Amino acid sequence: SVPSTTDYDPLNVLVAEDDPINSKIIQKRLTKLGHTVELTSNGEACKIAFASATKCFDVVLMDIQVC
């Protein structure tokens, strides 16, 4: 079961995902739970967003494919 929004504090989430469909799904689900989401399309963009002094992130979610 999904916890109610009163069970936790909303997070600022940075997401690195190169698939646009997956990005939309992740954003929709996290936003529905009350979190703020910033999407990036690759690791380099994620690194730049994370290093930016303008925003603080609580968690980073990355799509990592291992061959």
C-alpha atoms as a PDB file:
ATOM      1  CA  SER A   1       0.000   0.000   0.000  1.00  0.00           C
ATOM      2  CA  VAL A   2       1.075   3.568  -0.669  1.00  0.00           C
ATOM      3  CA  PRO A   3       1.619   5.686   2.447  1.00  0.00           C
ATOM      4  CA  SER A   4      -0.561   8.748   2.848  1.00  0.00           C
ATOM      5  CA  THR A   5       1.147  12.096   2.314  1.00  0.00           C
ATOM      6  CA  THR A   6       1.033  12.711   6.067  1.00  0.00           C
ATOM      7  CA  ASP A   7       3.422   9.803   6.762  1.00  0.00           C
ATOM      8  CA  TYR A   8       6.518  11.569   5.365  1.00  0.00           C
ATOM      9  CA  ASP A   9       7.916  14.939   4.369  1.00  0.00           C
ATOM     10  CA  PRO A  10       7.881  15.791   0.657  1.00  0.00           C
ATOM     11  CA  LEU A  11      11.261  15.451  -1.021  1.00  0.00           C
ATOM     12  CA  ASN A  12      13.088  17.367  -3.729  1.00  0.00           C
ATOM     13  CA  VAL A  13      13.964  14.592  -6.180  1.00  0.00           C
ATOM     14  CA  LEU A  14      16.460  14.798  -9.037  1.00  0.00           C
ATOM     15  CA  VAL A  15      15.859  12.152 -11.712  1.00  0.00           C
ATOM     16  CA  ALA A  16      18.229  11.093 -14.504  1.00  0.00           C
ATOM     17  CA  GLU A  17      16.300   9.069 -17.088  1.00  0.00           C
ATOM     18  CA  ASP A  18      16.952   8.965 -20.830  1.00  0.00           C
ATOM     19  CA  ASP A  19      13.621   7.408 -21.818  1.00  0.00           C
ATOM     20  CA  PRO A  20      10.943  10.113 -22.133  1.00  0.00           C
ATOM     21  CA  ILE A  21       8.076   7.730 -21.331  1.00  0.00           C
ATOM     22  CA  ASN A  22       9.766   6.460 -18.175  1.00  0.00           C
ATOM     23  CA  SER A  23      10.536  10.074 -17.197  1.00  0.00           C
ATOM     24  CA  LYS A  24       6.858  11.010 -17.424  1.00  0.00           C
ATOM     25  CA  ILE A  25       5.797   7.955 -15.406  1.00  0.00           C
ATOM     26  CA  ILE A  26       8.359   8.657 -12.677  1.00  0.00           C
ATOM     27  CA  GLN A  27       7.432  12.339 -12.545  1.00  0.00           C
ATOM     28  CA  LYS A  28       3.702  11.612 -12.364  1.00  0.00           C
ATOM     29  CA  ARG A  29       4.055   9.027  -9.591  1.00  0.00           C
ATOM     30  CA  LEU A  30       6.410  11.112  -7.445  1.00  0.00           C
ATOM     31  CA  THR A  31       4.396  14.305  -7.923  1.00  0.00           C
ATOM     32  CA  LYS A  32       1.204  12.458  -6.975  1.00  0.00           C
ATOM     33  CA  LEU A  33       2.920  11.524  -3.696  1.00  0.00           C
ATOM     34  CA  GLY A  34       3.671  15.210  -3.051  1.00  0.00           C
ATOM     35  CA  HIS A  35       7.326  15.308  -4.058  1.00  0.00           C
ATOM     36  CA  THR A  36       8.994  17.954  -6.222  1.00  0.00           C
ATOM     37  CA  VAL A  37      10.709  16.435  -9.258  1.00  0.00           C
ATOM     38  CA  GLU A  38      13.394  17.757 -11.586  1.00  0.00           C
ATOM     39  CA  LEU A  39      13.990  15.606 -14.645  1.00  0.00           C
ATOM     40  CA  THR A  40      17.279  15.347 -16.523  1.00  0.00           C
ATOM     41  CA  SER A  41      17.863  13.302 -19.652  1.00  0.00           C
ATOM     42  CA  ASN A  42      21.367  11.986 -18.932  1.00  0.00           C
ATOM     43  CA  GLY A  43      24.088  11.669 -16.320  1.00  0.00           C
ATOM     44  CA  GLU A  44      25.924  14.812 -17.395  1.00  0.00           C
ATOM     45  CA  ALA A  45      22.795  16.965 -17.102  1.00  0.00           C
ATOM     46  CA  CYS A  46      22.071  15.342 -13.750  1.00  0.00           C
ATOM     47  CA  LYS A  47      25.577  16.171 -12.504  1.00  0.00           C
ATOM     48  CA  ILE A  48      25.180  19.797 -13.569  1.00  0.00           C
ATOM     49  CA  ALA A  49      21.771  20.082 -11.886  1.00  0.00           C
ATOM     50  CA  PHE A  50      23.081  18.455  -8.708  1.00  0.00           C
ATOM     51  CA  ALA A  51      26.128  20.737  -8.570  1.00  0.00           C
ATOM     52  CA  SER A  52      23.977  23.836  -9.055  1.00  0.00           C
ATOM     53  CA  ALA A  53      23.915  26.048  -5.980  1.00  0.00           C
ATOM     54  CA  THR A  54      20.359  27.145  -6.789  1.00  0.00           C
ATOM     55  CA  LYS A  55      18.589  23.994  -5.588  1.00  0.00           C
ATOM     56  CA  CYS A  56      19.131  21.354  -2.927  1.00  0.00           C
ATOM     57  CA  PHE A  57      18.030  17.765  -3.623  1.00  0.00           C
ATOM     58  CA  ASP A  58      17.100  15.197  -1.011  1.00  0.00           C
ATOM     59  CA  VAL A  59      17.562  12.203  -3.314  1.00  0.00           C
ATOM     60  CA  VAL A  60      18.874  11.402  -6.795  1.00  0.00           C
ATOM     61  CA  LEU A  61      17.311   8.611  -8.876  1.00  0.00           C
ATOM     62  CA  MET A  62      19.357   7.442 -11.847  1.00  0.00           C
ATOM     63  CA  ASP A  63      18.691   4.970 -14.621  1.00  0.00           C
ATOM     64  CA  ILE A  64      21.819   2.829 -14.683  1.00  0.00           C
ATOM     65  CA  GLN A  65      22.162   0.127 -17.294  1.00  0.00           C
ATOM     66  CA  VAL A  66      24.901  -2.418 -16.722  1.00  0.00           C
ATOM     67  CA  CYS A  67      26.039  -4.538 -19.664  1.00  0.00           C
END
